[in-house]
Amino acid sequence: MFANARSNQAIGIPFNWNADYANGKNYAEYDLLTHKKNDFYLIQKNQVIRFGLFGQGMKLFFEMCDGSFNLNGRRIEIEYIDENSEVYHLTTNFEDKDLITYKEAYADYNNVQGIQKSNIKSINFGYKTTYKKDDTQFFFQSVVSLPLENESPFIELKLTSNKSMNGHLVFKSRGIEIERFYAPLEANRTGQINWTIK
């Protein structure tokens, strides 16, 4: 679905998740013909080549092979560059990735009517992985968040290193640096940043 030019409509909510398989088939949150809900936990993870969201005329996904994001036609890569100018490709590496998708929702409550209809605040997708280079190991989690209440989409990034580092997080689009942030890391402590997609 993500590789073809056709634009599929999401069912029930603004965005649905989808997994593209290596055999050319796909497994979406709702069956595109019957509209029956599918189970996220039945995704054949060893067959997935792309995973993400579609809807509102957009396709947002990551490539399972390297972890790079494709956000409505724009390729986004993330790197960590340490104090010795060593580059760690947090995306564009070939480690195994665990799929993530969830909806953030809220419900209003009052004493007369109880809990009211729940409202979806954001729809999210991404992955977590462990990335090793020489004697350095990172736990890396990257989740694209699509708020439904007039806020800008962002990437929530969590990063843990097995040793202290004094470097920068670098966000790139098609290989060109867009933005960089000073991001010192303490050994075995998670750092987090929410980067508004530019």
N, C-alpha and C. Protein backbone atom coordinates (compact mmCIF):
# COMPACT_ATOMS: atom_id res chain seq x y z
N MET A 1 0.82 -1.20 0.00
CA MET A 1 0.00 0.00 0.00
C MET A 1 0.86 1.27 0.00
N PHE A 2 1.93 1.27 0.82
CA PHE A 2 2.75 2.48 0.94
C PHE A 2 3.56 2.75 -0.32
N ALA A 3 3.87 1.70 -1.09
CA ALA A 3 4.72 1.89 -2.27
C ALA A 3 3.94 2.35 -3.49
N ASN A 4 2.61 2.10 -3.53
CA ASN A 4 1.88 2.49 -4.73
C ASN A 4 1.35 3.91 -4.62
N ALA A 5 0.91 4.44 -5.75
CA ALA A 5 0.49 5.86 -5.80
C ALA A 5 -0.94 6.06 -5.33
N ARG A 6 -1.70 4.96 -5.23
CA ARG A 6 -3.12 5.07 -4.86
C ARG A 6 -3.26 5.57 -3.43
N SER A 7 -4.28 6.38 -3.21
CA SER A 7 -4.53 6.92 -1.87
C SER A 7 -5.74 6.21 -1.26
N ASN A 8 -5.52 5.44 -0.20
CA ASN A 8 -6.60 4.73 0.47
C ASN A 8 -7.18 5.58 1.59
N GLN A 9 -8.48 5.46 1.79
CA GLN A 9 -9.15 6.18 2.87
C GLN A 9 -9.11 5.35 4.15
N ALA A 10 -8.84 6.01 5.26
CA ALA A 10 -8.91 5.35 6.56
C ALA A 10 -10.37 5.07 6.90
N ILE A 11 -10.60 4.05 7.70
CA ILE A 11 -11.95 3.64 8.08
C ILE A 11 -12.17 3.97 9.55
N GLY A 12 -13.25 4.68 9.86
CA GLY A 12 -13.66 4.91 11.24
C GLY A 12 -12.98 6.08 11.94
N ILE A 13 -11.70 6.26 11.70
CA ILE A 13 -10.91 7.32 12.34
C ILE A 13 -10.02 7.97 11.28
N PRO A 14 -9.40 9.13 11.58
CA PRO A 14 -8.64 9.83 10.53
C PRO A 14 -7.46 9.04 9.94
N PHE A 15 -6.79 8.19 10.74
CA PHE A 15 -5.65 7.42 10.25
C PHE A 15 -5.76 5.97 10.73
N ASN A 16 -5.42 5.03 9.85
CA ASN A 16 -5.35 3.61 10.21
C ASN A 16 -3.91 3.14 10.06
N TRP A 17 -3.53 2.16 10.87
CA TRP A 17 -2.20 1.57 10.69
C TRP A 17 -2.24 0.55 9.56
N ASN A 18 -1.06 0.28 9.01
CA ASN A 18 -0.94 -0.70 7.93
C ASN A 18 0.47 -1.29 7.93
N ALA A 19 0.55 -2.59 7.63
CA ALA A 19 1.83 -3.26 7.45
C ALA A 19 1.89 -3.77 6.01
N ASP A 20 2.93 -3.36 5.26
CA ASP A 20 3.19 -3.92 3.94
C ASP A 20 4.08 -5.14 4.11
N TYR A 21 3.73 -6.23 3.45
CA TYR A 21 4.50 -7.48 3.54
C TYR A 21 5.42 -7.65 2.34
N ALA A 22 6.45 -8.46 2.51
CA ALA A 22 7.44 -8.72 1.46
C ALA A 22 6.81 -9.38 0.23
N ASN A 23 5.71 -10.13 0.42
CA ASN A 23 5.08 -10.83 -0.71
C ASN A 23 4.14 -9.94 -1.51
N GLY A 24 4.10 -8.63 -1.21
CA GLY A 24 3.26 -7.70 -1.95
C GLY A 24 1.89 -7.48 -1.34
N LYS A 25 1.53 -8.27 -0.33
CA LYS A 25 0.24 -8.10 0.34
C LYS A 25 0.38 -7.09 1.47
N ASN A 26 -0.76 -6.71 2.07
CA ASN A 26 -0.70 -5.81 3.21
C ASN A 26 -1.73 -6.24 4.25
N TYR A 27 -1.55 -5.76 5.46
CA TYR A 27 -2.44 -6.08 6.58
C TYR A 27 -2.75 -4.77 7.28
N ALA A 28 -3.99 -4.29 7.10
CA ALA A 28 -4.37 -2.97 7.61
C ALA A 28 -5.24 -3.10 8.86
N GLU A 29 -5.34 -1.99 9.60
CA GLU A 29 -6.13 -1.95 10.83
C GLU A 29 -7.56 -2.41 10.59
N TYR A 30 -8.13 -2.01 9.44
CA TYR A 30 -9.45 -2.48 9.01
C TYR A 30 -9.29 -3.09 7.63
N ASP A 31 -9.87 -4.26 7.42
CA ASP A 31 -9.84 -4.88 6.11
C ASP A 31 -10.44 -3.89 5.10
N LEU A 32 -9.71 -3.62 4.02
CA LEU A 32 -10.12 -2.59 3.08
C LEU A 32 -11.39 -2.96 2.31
N LEU A 33 -11.73 -4.26 2.24
CA LEU A 33 -12.94 -4.68 1.54
C LEU A 33 -14.12 -4.86 2.51
N THR A 34 -13.89 -5.58 3.60
CA THR A 34 -15.00 -5.90 4.52
C THR A 34 -15.16 -4.86 5.64
N HIS A 35 -14.15 -4.03 5.86
CA HIS A 35 -14.10 -3.03 6.95
C HIS A 35 -14.08 -3.68 8.33
N LYS A 36 -13.78 -4.99 8.38
CA LYS A 36 -13.67 -5.70 9.65
C LYS A 36 -12.33 -5.34 10.31
N LYS A 37 -12.34 -5.12 11.62
CA LYS A 37 -11.13 -4.73 12.35
C LYS A 37 -10.16 -5.90 12.43
N ASN A 38 -8.89 -5.64 12.15
CA ASN A 38 -7.84 -6.65 12.27
C ASN A 38 -7.09 -6.47 13.59
N ASP A 39 -6.42 -7.51 14.01
CA ASP A 39 -5.70 -7.53 15.29
C ASP A 39 -4.22 -7.18 15.07
N PHE A 40 -3.76 -6.10 15.71
CA PHE A 40 -2.36 -5.69 15.60
C PHE A 40 -1.41 -6.84 15.96
N TYR A 41 -1.79 -7.65 16.94
CA TYR A 41 -0.90 -8.71 17.41
C TYR A 41 -0.83 -9.90 16.45
N LEU A 42 -1.61 -9.87 15.37
CA LEU A 42 -1.53 -10.92 14.36
C LEU A 42 -0.69 -10.50 13.16
N ILE A 43 -0.08 -9.32 13.22
CA ILE A 43 0.84 -8.91 12.16
C ILE A 43 1.99 -9.93 12.09
N GLN A 44 2.30 -10.38 10.88
CA GLN A 44 3.43 -11.31 10.68
C GLN A 44 4.71 -10.47 10.62
N LYS A 45 5.29 -10.22 11.81
CA LYS A 45 6.39 -9.25 11.91
C LYS A 45 7.59 -9.61 11.06
N ASN A 46 7.85 -10.90 10.88
CA ASN A 46 9.01 -11.29 10.08
C ASN A 46 8.79 -11.07 8.59
N GLN A 47 7.56 -10.70 8.18
CA GLN A 47 7.24 -10.43 6.78
C GLN A 47 7.14 -8.93 6.46
N VAL A 48 7.13 -8.09 7.52
CA VAL A 48 6.88 -6.65 7.32
C VAL A 48 8.08 -5.96 6.67
N ILE A 49 7.79 -5.17 5.61
CA ILE A 49 8.85 -4.36 5.01
C ILE A 49 8.62 -2.86 5.25
N ARG A 50 7.35 -2.48 5.47
CA ARG A 50 7.01 -1.09 5.81
C ARG A 50 5.85 -1.11 6.80
N PHE A 51 5.87 -0.12 7.73
CA PHE A 51 4.77 -0.03 8.69
C PHE A 51 4.50 1.44 8.97
N GLY A 52 3.21 1.79 9.09
CA GLY A 52 2.88 3.18 9.40
C GLY A 52 1.40 3.44 9.36
N LEU A 53 1.05 4.69 9.04
CA LEU A 53 -0.33 5.15 9.04
C LEU A 53 -0.70 5.70 7.66
N PHE A 54 -1.99 5.58 7.32
CA PHE A 54 -2.50 6.23 6.12
C PHE A 54 -3.86 6.85 6.43
N GLY A 55 -4.20 7.89 5.68
CA GLY A 55 -5.47 8.57 5.84
C GLY A 55 -5.31 10.04 5.52
N GLN A 56 -6.43 10.74 5.33
CA GLN A 56 -6.41 12.17 5.03
C GLN A 56 -5.54 12.48 3.80
N GLY A 57 -5.46 11.53 2.88
CA GLY A 57 -4.65 11.72 1.67
C GLY A 57 -3.16 11.60 1.91
N MET A 58 -2.76 11.09 3.09
CA MET A 58 -1.33 11.00 3.44
C MET A 58 -0.91 9.56 3.71
N LYS A 59 0.40 9.32 3.53
CA LYS A 59 1.02 8.05 3.90
C LYS A 59 2.26 8.38 4.72
N LEU A 60 2.31 7.84 5.93
CA LEU A 60 3.44 8.08 6.84
C LEU A 60 3.90 6.72 7.34
N PHE A 61 5.16 6.37 7.08
CA PHE A 61 5.61 5.01 7.42
C PHE A 61 7.12 5.00 7.62
N PHE A 62 7.62 3.85 8.10
CA PHE A 62 9.06 3.65 8.13
C PHE A 62 9.39 2.37 7.38
N GLU A 63 10.62 2.34 6.87
CA GLU A 63 11.13 1.15 6.19
C GLU A 63 11.69 0.21 7.24
N MET A 64 11.20 -1.01 7.28
CA MET A 64 11.64 -1.97 8.30
C MET A 64 13.12 -2.30 8.15
N CYS A 65 13.64 -2.31 6.92
CA CYS A 65 15.03 -2.72 6.72
C CYS A 65 16.01 -1.77 7.39
N ASP A 66 15.76 -0.45 7.33
CA ASP A 66 16.74 0.48 7.89
C ASP A 66 16.17 1.45 8.93
N GLY A 67 14.84 1.54 9.05
CA GLY A 67 14.26 2.41 10.08
C GLY A 67 14.08 3.85 9.67
N SER A 68 14.39 4.18 8.41
CA SER A 68 14.18 5.57 7.97
C SER A 68 12.69 5.82 7.81
N PHE A 69 12.28 7.05 8.12
CA PHE A 69 10.87 7.42 8.01
C PHE A 69 10.59 8.06 6.66
N ASN A 70 9.40 7.79 6.14
CA ASN A 70 8.90 8.46 4.95
C ASN A 70 7.59 9.11 5.38
N LEU A 71 7.61 10.43 5.53
CA LEU A 71 6.46 11.16 6.04
C LEU A 71 5.84 11.96 4.91
N ASN A 72 4.85 11.34 4.29
CA ASN A 72 4.14 11.94 3.17
C ASN A 72 5.11 12.35 2.05
N GLY A 73 6.03 11.46 1.73
CA GLY A 73 6.97 11.69 0.63
C GLY A 73 8.32 12.25 1.05
N ARG A 74 8.47 12.65 2.32
CA ARG A 74 9.77 13.18 2.80
C ARG A 74 10.49 12.14 3.63
N ARG A 75 11.72 11.86 3.25
CA ARG A 75 12.54 10.90 4.00
C ARG A 75 13.19 11.63 5.18
N ILE A 76 13.03 11.07 6.40
CA ILE A 76 13.62 11.65 7.61
C ILE A 76 14.57 10.63 8.22
N GLU A 77 15.80 11.07 8.52
CA GLU A 77 16.80 10.22 9.18
C GLU A 77 17.25 10.91 10.47
N ILE A 78 17.65 10.11 11.45
CA ILE A 78 18.11 10.64 12.74
C ILE A 78 19.46 10.02 13.07
N GLU A 79 20.40 10.88 13.50
CA GLU A 79 21.75 10.42 13.87
C GLU A 79 22.12 10.99 15.23
N TYR A 80 23.06 10.32 15.88
CA TYR A 80 23.70 10.87 17.07
C TYR A 80 25.18 11.02 16.74
N ILE A 81 25.72 12.22 16.95
CA ILE A 81 27.14 12.47 16.69
C ILE A 81 27.81 12.79 18.02
N ASP A 82 28.78 11.97 18.43
CA ASP A 82 29.40 12.15 19.74
C ASP A 82 30.48 13.23 19.72
N GLU A 83 31.09 13.44 20.88
CA GLU A 83 32.08 14.51 21.04
C GLU A 83 33.33 14.30 20.20
N ASN A 84 33.54 13.06 19.69
CA ASN A 84 34.70 12.78 18.83
C ASN A 84 34.29 12.73 17.35
N SER A 85 33.11 13.25 17.05
CA SER A 85 32.57 13.29 15.69
C SER A 85 32.25 11.91 15.12
N GLU A 86 32.12 10.91 16.00
CA GLU A 86 31.68 9.57 15.58
C GLU A 86 30.18 9.64 15.33
N VAL A 87 29.75 9.12 14.17
CA VAL A 87 28.34 9.18 13.78
C VAL A 87 27.67 7.83 14.06
N TYR A 88 26.55 7.89 14.75
CA TYR A 88 25.73 6.71 15.03
C TYR A 88 24.41 6.88 14.29
N HIS A 89 24.16 6.01 13.33
CA HIS A 89 22.96 6.10 12.50
C HIS A 89 21.80 5.42 13.23
N LEU A 90 21.04 6.23 13.97
CA LEU A 90 19.93 5.68 14.77
C LEU A 90 18.84 5.14 13.85
N THR A 91 18.52 5.90 12.78
CA THR A 91 17.76 5.32 11.68
C THR A 91 18.82 4.93 10.66
N THR A 92 18.42 4.38 9.57
CA THR A 92 19.34 3.87 8.54
C THR A 92 20.36 2.89 9.10
N ASN A 93 19.89 1.98 9.96
CA ASN A 93 20.70 0.83 10.37
C ASN A 93 19.85 -0.42 10.19
N PHE A 94 20.46 -1.57 10.29
CA PHE A 94 19.77 -2.80 9.89
C PHE A 94 19.43 -3.71 11.08
N GLU A 95 19.27 -3.12 12.26
CA GLU A 95 18.89 -3.89 13.45
C GLU A 95 17.40 -4.25 13.39
N ASP A 96 17.02 -5.28 14.16
CA ASP A 96 15.59 -5.65 14.26
C ASP A 96 14.80 -4.54 14.93
N LYS A 97 13.56 -4.38 14.52
CA LYS A 97 12.71 -3.32 15.05
C LYS A 97 11.39 -3.89 15.55
N ASP A 98 10.95 -3.44 16.72
CA ASP A 98 9.64 -3.81 17.26
C ASP A 98 8.65 -2.71 16.90
N LEU A 99 7.52 -3.10 16.29
CA LEU A 99 6.50 -2.15 15.86
C LEU A 99 5.77 -1.54 17.04
N ILE A 100 5.42 -0.27 16.91
CA ILE A 100 4.63 0.44 17.93
C ILE A 100 3.50 1.19 17.22
N THR A 101 2.30 1.08 17.74
CA THR A 101 1.21 1.97 17.34
C THR A 101 0.23 2.06 18.50
N TYR A 102 -0.28 3.25 18.72
CA TYR A 102 -1.28 3.45 19.77
C TYR A 102 -2.02 4.75 19.51
N LYS A 103 -3.18 4.85 20.19
CA LYS A 103 -3.98 6.07 20.13
C LYS A 103 -4.03 6.67 21.52
N GLU A 104 -3.79 7.95 21.62
CA GLU A 104 -3.93 8.66 22.89
C GLU A 104 -5.34 9.26 22.89
N ALA A 105 -6.12 8.94 23.94
CA ALA A 105 -7.52 9.38 23.97
C ALA A 105 -7.87 9.90 25.36
N TYR A 106 -8.98 10.63 25.43
CA TYR A 106 -9.47 11.12 26.72
C TYR A 106 -10.99 11.08 26.69
N ALA A 107 -11.59 11.05 27.86
CA ALA A 107 -13.05 11.09 27.98
C ALA A 107 -13.42 12.11 29.05
N ASP A 108 -14.48 12.86 28.79
CA ASP A 108 -15.00 13.80 29.79
C ASP A 108 -15.92 13.05 30.74
N TYR A 109 -15.98 13.51 31.98
CA TYR A 109 -16.80 12.86 32.98
C TYR A 109 -17.61 13.92 33.74
N ASN A 110 -18.88 13.62 33.98
CA ASN A 110 -19.63 14.48 34.90
C ASN A 110 -20.48 13.59 35.81
N ASN A 111 -20.91 14.13 36.94
CA ASN A 111 -21.60 13.33 37.96
C ASN A 111 -22.98 12.85 37.53
N VAL A 112 -23.57 13.52 36.55
CA VAL A 112 -24.93 13.16 36.14
C VAL A 112 -24.90 12.04 35.10
N GLN A 113 -24.08 12.23 34.06
CA GLN A 113 -24.09 11.28 32.94
C GLN A 113 -22.95 10.27 32.99
N GLY A 114 -22.01 10.43 33.91
CA GLY A 114 -20.86 9.52 33.97
C GLY A 114 -19.87 9.82 32.86
N ILE A 115 -19.21 8.77 32.38
CA ILE A 115 -18.19 8.95 31.34
C ILE A 115 -18.88 9.21 30.00
N GLN A 116 -18.45 10.26 29.33
CA GLN A 116 -18.97 10.61 28.01
C GLN A 116 -18.15 9.88 26.94
N LYS A 117 -18.50 10.10 25.70
CA LYS A 117 -17.79 9.51 24.56
C LYS A 117 -16.30 9.86 24.63
N SER A 118 -15.46 8.90 24.35
CA SER A 118 -14.02 9.19 24.36
C SER A 118 -13.62 9.90 23.06
N ASN A 119 -12.61 10.73 23.15
CA ASN A 119 -12.10 11.49 22.01
C ASN A 119 -10.63 11.13 21.80
N ILE A 120 -10.26 10.89 20.54
CA ILE A 120 -8.87 10.58 20.24
C ILE A 120 -8.08 11.88 20.17
N LYS A 121 -7.00 11.94 20.95
CA LYS A 121 -6.14 13.14 20.97
C LYS A 121 -5.03 13.04 19.92
N SER A 122 -4.46 11.83 19.76
CA SER A 122 -3.41 11.64 18.76
C SER A 122 -3.36 10.18 18.34
N ILE A 123 -2.84 9.96 17.13
CA ILE A 123 -2.60 8.61 16.62
C ILE A 123 -1.11 8.52 16.36
N ASN A 124 -0.48 7.42 16.79
CA ASN A 124 0.98 7.32 16.84
C ASN A 124 1.48 6.01 16.23
N PHE A 125 2.67 6.07 15.64
CA PHE A 125 3.32 4.84 15.16
C PHE A 125 4.84 5.04 15.20
N GLY A 126 5.55 3.93 15.24
CA GLY A 126 7.01 3.97 15.22
C GLY A 126 7.58 2.63 15.57
N TYR A 127 8.76 2.66 16.21
CA TYR A 127 9.42 1.40 16.56
C TYR A 127 10.43 1.63 17.67
N LYS A 128 10.88 0.51 18.24
CA LYS A 128 12.00 0.54 19.17
C LYS A 128 13.02 -0.49 18.71
N THR A 129 14.28 -0.21 19.00
CA THR A 129 15.34 -1.09 18.55
C THR A 129 16.57 -0.91 19.44
N THR A 130 17.48 -1.84 19.35
CA THR A 130 18.79 -1.72 19.98
C THR A 130 19.83 -1.64 18.86
N TYR A 131 20.68 -0.62 18.94
CA TYR A 131 21.67 -0.38 17.88
C TYR A 131 23.06 -0.45 18.50
N LYS A 132 23.95 -1.27 17.90
CA LYS A 132 25.32 -1.43 18.41
C LYS A 132 26.32 -0.98 17.37
N LYS A 133 27.36 -0.30 17.87
CA LYS A 133 28.50 0.05 17.01
C LYS A 133 29.73 0.01 17.89
N ASP A 134 30.67 -0.88 17.56
CA ASP A 134 31.87 -1.10 18.37
C ASP A 134 31.45 -1.42 19.81
N ASP A 135 31.92 -0.64 20.80
CA ASP A 135 31.57 -0.94 22.20
C ASP A 135 30.42 -0.06 22.70
N THR A 136 29.74 0.62 21.79
CA THR A 136 28.62 1.48 22.16
C THR A 136 27.31 0.81 21.79
N GLN A 137 26.36 0.86 22.72
CA GLN A 137 25.04 0.30 22.46
C GLN A 137 23.97 1.32 22.82
N PHE A 138 23.03 1.51 21.92
CA PHE A 138 21.90 2.42 22.15
C PHE A 138 20.60 1.63 22.21
N PHE A 139 19.72 2.03 23.11
CA PHE A 139 18.31 1.67 23.00
C PHE A 139 17.66 2.91 22.39
N PHE A 140 16.96 2.72 21.29
CA PHE A 140 16.40 3.83 20.53
C PHE A 140 14.92 3.57 20.27
N GLN A 141 14.08 4.54 20.64
CA GLN A 141 12.66 4.46 20.34
C GLN A 141 12.23 5.73 19.66
N SER A 142 11.56 5.58 18.53
CA SER A 142 11.14 6.73 17.74
C SER A 142 9.68 6.55 17.36
N VAL A 143 8.84 7.50 17.78
CA VAL A 143 7.39 7.42 17.54
C VAL A 143 6.91 8.72 16.90
N VAL A 144 6.27 8.60 15.75
CA VAL A 144 5.66 9.74 15.08
C VAL A 144 4.27 9.93 15.67
N SER A 145 3.98 11.15 16.13
CA SER A 145 2.69 11.46 16.75
C SER A 145 1.92 12.44 15.87
N LEU A 146 0.69 12.07 15.54
CA LEU A 146 -0.18 12.94 14.74
C LEU A 146 -1.32 13.43 15.63
N PRO A 147 -1.16 14.61 16.24
CA PRO A 147 -2.23 15.16 17.06
C PRO A 147 -3.43 15.53 16.19
N LEU A 148 -4.63 15.32 16.72
CA LEU A 148 -5.84 15.61 15.95
C LEU A 148 -6.49 16.91 16.38
N GLU A 149 -5.80 17.70 17.22
CA GLU A 149 -6.40 18.92 17.77
C GLU A 149 -5.57 20.15 17.43
N ASN A 150 -5.32 20.37 16.15
CA ASN A 150 -4.65 21.58 15.66
C ASN A 150 -3.24 21.79 16.21
N GLU A 151 -2.55 20.72 16.53
CA GLU A 151 -1.14 20.82 16.92
C GLU A 151 -0.30 20.23 15.79
N SER A 152 0.99 20.59 15.77
CA SER A 152 1.87 20.09 14.73
C SER A 152 2.29 18.65 15.01
N PRO A 153 2.45 17.83 13.96
CA PRO A 153 2.97 16.48 14.15
C PRO A 153 4.41 16.55 14.66
N PHE A 154 4.80 15.56 15.46
CA PHE A 154 6.16 15.53 15.99
C PHE A 154 6.65 14.10 16.11
N ILE A 155 7.97 13.96 16.30
CA ILE A 155 8.57 12.66 16.57
C ILE A 155 9.03 12.67 18.03
N GLU A 156 8.51 11.73 18.81
CA GLU A 156 8.98 11.54 20.19
C GLU A 156 10.12 10.53 20.14
N LEU A 157 11.29 10.98 20.58
CA LEU A 157 12.49 10.16 20.48
C LEU A 157 13.03 9.89 21.88
N LYS A 158 13.27 8.61 22.19
CA LYS A 158 13.90 8.23 23.46
C LYS A 158 15.21 7.52 23.13
N LEU A 159 16.26 7.89 23.87
CA LEU A 159 17.59 7.36 23.59
C LEU A 159 18.32 7.05 24.88
N THR A 160 18.85 5.83 24.97
CA THR A 160 19.65 5.41 26.12
C THR A 160 20.94 4.82 25.60
N SER A 161 22.06 5.20 26.20
CA SER A 161 23.37 4.68 25.81
C SER A 161 23.97 3.89 26.97
N ASN A 162 24.81 2.92 26.65
CA ASN A 162 25.47 2.15 27.71
C ASN A 162 26.67 2.91 28.29
N LYS A 163 26.98 4.09 27.74
CA LYS A 163 28.05 4.90 28.32
C LYS A 163 27.72 6.39 28.17
N SER A 164 28.34 7.21 28.99
CA SER A 164 28.08 8.65 28.94
C SER A 164 28.68 9.23 27.67
N MET A 165 27.95 10.14 27.06
CA MET A 165 28.38 10.76 25.81
C MET A 165 28.01 12.24 25.84
N ASN A 166 28.71 13.03 25.05
CA ASN A 166 28.49 14.48 25.06
C ASN A 166 28.34 14.96 23.62
N GLY A 167 27.23 14.54 22.98
CA GLY A 167 27.09 14.82 21.56
C GLY A 167 25.83 15.54 21.19
N HIS A 168 25.44 15.37 19.93
CA HIS A 168 24.28 16.06 19.36
C HIS A 168 23.36 15.07 18.65
N LEU A 169 22.07 15.35 18.72
CA LEU A 169 21.09 14.65 17.88
C LEU A 169 20.92 15.46 16.61
N VAL A 170 20.94 14.77 15.48
CA VAL A 170 20.84 15.45 14.18
C VAL A 170 19.67 14.87 13.40
N PHE A 171 18.81 15.76 12.93
CA PHE A 171 17.67 15.37 12.10
C PHE A 171 17.96 15.78 10.67
N LYS A 172 17.77 14.83 9.75
CA LYS A 172 18.06 15.08 8.34
C LYS A 172 16.84 14.75 7.48
N SER A 173 16.76 15.43 6.35
CA SER A 173 15.76 15.10 5.34
C SER A 173 16.49 14.84 4.03
N ARG A 174 16.34 13.62 3.52
CA ARG A 174 17.04 13.20 2.30
C ARG A 174 18.55 13.48 2.38
N GLY A 175 19.13 13.22 3.55
CA GLY A 175 20.57 13.34 3.73
C GLY A 175 21.06 14.74 4.07
N ILE A 176 20.17 15.73 4.07
CA ILE A 176 20.57 17.12 4.37
C ILE A 176 20.11 17.48 5.78
N GLU A 177 21.03 18.01 6.58
CA GLU A 177 20.71 18.36 7.96
C GLU A 177 19.66 19.45 8.02
N ILE A 178 18.62 19.20 8.85
CA ILE A 178 17.56 20.19 9.06
C ILE A 178 17.77 20.90 10.38
N GLU A 179 18.10 20.11 11.42
CA GLU A 179 18.22 20.68 12.76
C GLU A 179 19.10 19.77 13.60
N ARG A 180 19.79 20.39 14.58
CA ARG A 180 20.61 19.60 15.51
C ARG A 180 20.42 20.15 16.91
N PHE A 181 20.50 19.26 17.90
CA PHE A 181 20.31 19.62 19.31
C PHE A 181 21.44 19.05 20.14
N TYR A 182 21.97 19.86 21.04
CA TYR A 182 22.93 19.37 22.01
C TYR A 182 22.23 18.34 22.88
N ALA A 183 22.78 17.14 22.99
CA ALA A 183 22.09 16.05 23.67
C ALA A 183 23.07 15.18 24.46
N PRO A 184 23.56 15.69 25.61
CA PRO A 184 24.45 14.85 26.42
C PRO A 184 23.69 13.66 26.98
N LEU A 185 24.36 12.52 27.06
CA LEU A 185 23.73 11.30 27.58
C LEU A 185 24.50 10.80 28.79
N GLU A 186 23.77 10.44 29.84
CA GLU A 186 24.36 9.76 30.99
C GLU A 186 24.20 8.27 30.77
N ALA A 187 25.21 7.49 31.15
CA ALA A 187 25.15 6.04 30.95
C ALA A 187 23.89 5.46 31.58
N ASN A 188 23.18 4.67 30.80
CA ASN A 188 22.00 3.92 31.24
C ASN A 188 20.85 4.78 31.75
N ARG A 189 20.81 6.06 31.34
CA ARG A 189 19.67 6.93 31.66
C ARG A 189 19.05 7.41 30.35
N THR A 190 17.74 7.35 30.29
CA THR A 190 17.04 7.69 29.04
C THR A 190 16.87 9.19 28.89
N GLY A 191 17.22 9.68 27.71
CA GLY A 191 16.94 11.05 27.34
C GLY A 191 15.77 11.05 26.36
N GLN A 192 14.98 12.10 26.39
CA GLN A 192 13.81 12.18 25.51
C GLN A 192 13.71 13.58 24.91
N ILE A 193 13.29 13.63 23.64
CA ILE A 193 13.03 14.89 22.97
C ILE A 193 11.82 14.70 22.06
N ASN A 194 10.99 15.73 21.97
CA ASN A 194 9.90 15.76 20.99
C ASN A 194 10.30 16.76 19.92
N TRP A 195 10.50 16.27 18.70
CA TRP A 195 10.94 17.12 17.59
C TRP A 195 9.77 17.40 16.65
N THR A 196 9.39 18.68 16.55
CA THR A 196 8.32 19.07 15.63
C THR A 196 8.83 18.86 14.21
N ILE A 197 8.08 18.08 13.43
CA ILE A 197 8.50 17.72 12.08
C ILE A 197 8.53 18.97 11.21
N LYS A 198 9.67 19.21 10.57
CA LYS A 198 9.86 20.39 9.75
C LYS A 198 9.80 20.02 8.27
